[in-house]
Amino acid sequence: MRWMIGIIFSLLGVLLLTQGLSLRAVGAETIDGDGIGVYFLGMEINDKVATADIPTYANGFLGTGTILLLLAVSLFVILLKEKNTFKPIRRKNHA
């Protein structure tokens, strides 16, 4: 279970980083109209983000992705240092 949490943190971190990088690329281009819509994993974050606010959203995604990846790496280091995480869970005998 603890390994799954680390894997989920890793996947979310990578997805957030890629979203932040793609928003930085979009922010560098000229955008027609009022702004763009920001979506993450199929969910709408904001429908109309002004062109001036796109780097703020990109930095938010990049920062959150970095924090999640750091949490995942630290969790993996802690789990690798424990020797009993690779053993299966067994019931305790109550005598």
C-alpha atoms as a PDB file:
ATOM      1  CA  MET A   1       0.000   0.000   0.000  1.00  0.00           C
ATOM      2  CA  ARG A   2       2.798   2.400   0.853  1.00  0.00           C
ATOM      3  CA  TRP A   3       4.484   1.678  -2.454  1.00  0.00           C
ATOM      4  CA  MET A   4       1.268   2.503  -4.304  1.00  0.00           C
ATOM      5  CA  ILE A   5       1.120   5.927  -2.661  1.00  0.00           C
ATOM      6  CA  GLY A   6       4.645   6.643  -3.906  1.00  0.00           C
ATOM      7  CA  ILE A   7       3.750   5.511  -7.405  1.00  0.00           C
ATOM      8  CA  ILE A   8       0.612   7.677  -7.422  1.00  0.00           C
ATOM      9  CA  PHE A   9       2.617  10.680  -6.207  1.00  0.00           C
ATOM     10  CA  SER A  10       5.163  10.051  -8.954  1.00  0.00           C
ATOM     11  CA  LEU A  11       2.555   9.826 -11.702  1.00  0.00           C
ATOM     12  CA  LEU A  12       0.709  12.933 -10.527  1.00  0.00           C
ATOM     13  CA  GLY A  13       4.000  14.806 -10.231  1.00  0.00           C
ATOM     14  CA  VAL A  14       5.024  13.953 -13.781  1.00  0.00           C
ATOM     15  CA  LEU A  15       1.578  14.879 -15.117  1.00  0.00           C
ATOM     16  CA  LEU A  16       1.652  18.209 -13.292  1.00  0.00           C
ATOM     17  CA  LEU A  17       5.147  18.964 -14.582  1.00  0.00           C
ATOM     18  CA  THR A  18       4.153  18.235 -18.180  1.00  0.00           C
ATOM     19  CA  GLN A  19       1.043  20.410 -17.809  1.00  0.00           C
ATOM     20  CA  GLY A  20       3.169  23.254 -16.437  1.00  0.00           C
ATOM     21  CA  LEU A  21       5.670  22.947 -19.272  1.00  0.00           C
ATOM     22  CA  SER A  22       2.919  22.915 -21.881  1.00  0.00           C
ATOM     23  CA  LEU A  23       1.366  26.023 -20.306  1.00  0.00           C
ATOM     24  CA  ARG A  24       4.761  27.755 -20.473  1.00  0.00           C
ATOM     25  CA  ALA A  25       4.974  26.896 -24.169  1.00  0.00           C
ATOM     26  CA  VAL A  26       1.454  28.235 -24.760  1.00  0.00           C
ATOM     27  CA  GLY A  27       2.224  31.374 -22.772  1.00  0.00           C
ATOM     28  CA  ALA A  28       5.214  32.117 -24.994  1.00  0.00           C
ATOM     29  CA  GLU A  29       3.009  32.141 -28.111  1.00  0.00           C
ATOM     30  CA  THR A  30       0.584  34.865 -29.026  1.00  0.00           C
ATOM     31  CA  ILE A  31      -2.977  33.972 -28.062  1.00  0.00           C
ATOM     32  CA  ASP A  32      -6.030  35.260 -29.883  1.00  0.00           C
ATOM     33  CA  GLY A  33      -8.961  36.486 -27.828  1.00  0.00           C
ATOM     34  CA  ASP A  34      -9.318  36.901 -24.079  1.00  0.00           C
ATOM     35  CA  GLY A  35      -7.349  33.856 -22.967  1.00  0.00           C
ATOM     36  CA  ILE A  36      -7.389  30.084 -22.777  1.00  0.00           C
ATOM     37  CA  GLY A  37      -9.086  27.365 -20.753  1.00  0.00           C
ATOM     38  CA  VAL A  38      -6.930  25.363 -18.353  1.00  0.00           C
ATOM     39  CA  TYR A  39      -7.781  21.677 -17.919  1.00  0.00           C
ATOM     40  CA  PHE A  40      -6.054  18.975 -15.877  1.00  0.00           C
ATOM     41  CA  LEU A  41      -6.995  15.283 -16.102  1.00  0.00           C
ATOM     42  CA  GLY A  42     -10.203  16.186 -17.881  1.00  0.00           C
ATOM     43  CA  MET A  43     -11.324  18.634 -15.194  1.00  0.00           C
ATOM     44  CA  GLU A  44     -11.755  22.303 -15.912  1.00  0.00           C
ATOM     45  CA  ILE A  45      -9.563  24.453 -13.683  1.00  0.00           C
ATOM     46  CA  ASN A  46     -10.510  27.804 -15.215  1.00  0.00           C
ATOM     47  CA  ASP A  47     -12.462  28.547 -18.362  1.00  0.00           C
ATOM     48  CA  LYS A  48     -10.905  31.899 -19.250  1.00  0.00           C
ATOM     49  CA  VAL A  49      -7.363  32.493 -18.080  1.00  0.00           C
ATOM     50  CA  ALA A  50      -6.060  35.860 -19.200  1.00  0.00           C
ATOM     51  CA  THR A  51      -2.870  35.856 -21.218  1.00  0.00           C
ATOM     52  CA  ALA A  52      -1.004  37.663 -18.440  1.00  0.00           C
ATOM     53  CA  ASP A  53      -1.988  34.979 -15.891  1.00  0.00           C
ATOM     54  CA  ILE A  54      -0.821  31.938 -17.884  1.00  0.00           C
ATOM     55  CA  PRO A  55       2.736  31.992 -16.425  1.00  0.00           C
ATOM     56  CA  THR A  56       1.223  32.030 -12.916  1.00  0.00           C
ATOM     57  CA  TYR A  57      -0.754  28.879 -13.658  1.00  0.00           C
ATOM     58  CA  ALA A  58       2.325  27.299 -15.249  1.00  0.00           C
ATOM     59  CA  ASN A  59       4.419  28.051 -12.158  1.00  0.00           C
ATOM     60  CA  GLY A  60       1.695  26.603  -9.933  1.00  0.00           C
ATOM     61  CA  PHE A  61       1.621  23.353 -11.889  1.00  0.00           C
ATOM     62  CA  LEU A  62       5.431  23.155 -11.959  1.00  0.00           C
ATOM     63  CA  GLY A  63       5.741  23.831  -8.228  1.00  0.00           C
ATOM     64  CA  THR A  64       3.085  21.303  -7.268  1.00  0.00           C
ATOM     65  CA  GLY A  65       4.605  18.665  -9.553  1.00  0.00           C
ATOM     66  CA  THR A  66       8.056  19.238  -8.067  1.00  0.00           C
ATOM     67  CA  ILE A  67       6.734  18.934  -4.518  1.00  0.00           C
ATOM     68  CA  LEU A  68       4.901  15.687  -5.323  1.00  0.00           C
ATOM     69  CA  LEU A  69       8.001  14.210  -6.964  1.00  0.00           C
ATOM     70  CA  LEU A  70      10.122  15.148  -3.948  1.00  0.00           C
ATOM     71  CA  LEU A  71       7.575  13.506  -1.647  1.00  0.00           C
ATOM     72  CA  ALA A  72       7.590  10.371  -3.793  1.00  0.00           C
ATOM     73  CA  VAL A  73      11.388  10.158  -3.823  1.00  0.00           C
ATOM     74  CA  SER A  74      11.597  10.644  -0.059  1.00  0.00           C
ATOM     75  CA  LEU A  75       8.921   7.984   0.474  1.00  0.00           C
ATOM     76  CA  PHE A  76      10.799   5.556  -1.776  1.00  0.00           C
ATOM     77  CA  VAL A  77      14.049   6.208   0.120  1.00  0.00           C
ATOM     78  CA  ILE A  78      12.324   5.577   3.454  1.00  0.00           C
ATOM     79  CA  LEU A  79      10.700   2.383   2.177  1.00  0.00           C
ATOM     80  CA  LEU A  80      13.953   1.074   0.738  1.00  0.00           C
ATOM     81  CA  LYS A  81      15.709   1.612   4.073  1.00  0.00           C
ATOM     82  CA  GLU A  82      13.095  -0.479   5.894  1.00  0.00           C
ATOM     83  CA  LYS A  83      13.873  -4.154   5.618  1.00  0.00           C
ATOM     84  CA  ASN A  84      10.373  -5.475   6.248  1.00  0.00           C
ATOM     85  CA  THR A  85       8.559  -3.715   3.395  1.00  0.00           C
ATOM     86  CA  PHE A  86       9.364  -6.520   0.958  1.00  0.00           C
ATOM     87  CA  LYS A  87       7.998  -9.254   3.223  1.00  0.00           C
ATOM     88  CA  PRO A  88       4.338 -10.249   2.946  1.00  0.00           C
ATOM     89  CA  ILE A  89       2.009  -9.245   5.752  1.00  0.00           C
ATOM     90  CA  ARG A  90       1.171 -12.163   8.064  1.00  0.00           C
ATOM     91  CA  ARG A  91      -1.298 -12.524  10.859  1.00  0.00           C
ATOM     92  CA  LYS A  92      -0.031 -12.513  14.391  1.00  0.00           C
ATOM     93  CA  ASN A  93      -0.607 -15.698  16.347  1.00  0.00           C
ATOM     94  CA  HIS A  94      -2.566 -14.971  19.507  1.00  0.00           C
ATOM     95  CA  ALA A  95      -1.847 -17.701  22.001  1.00  0.00           C
END
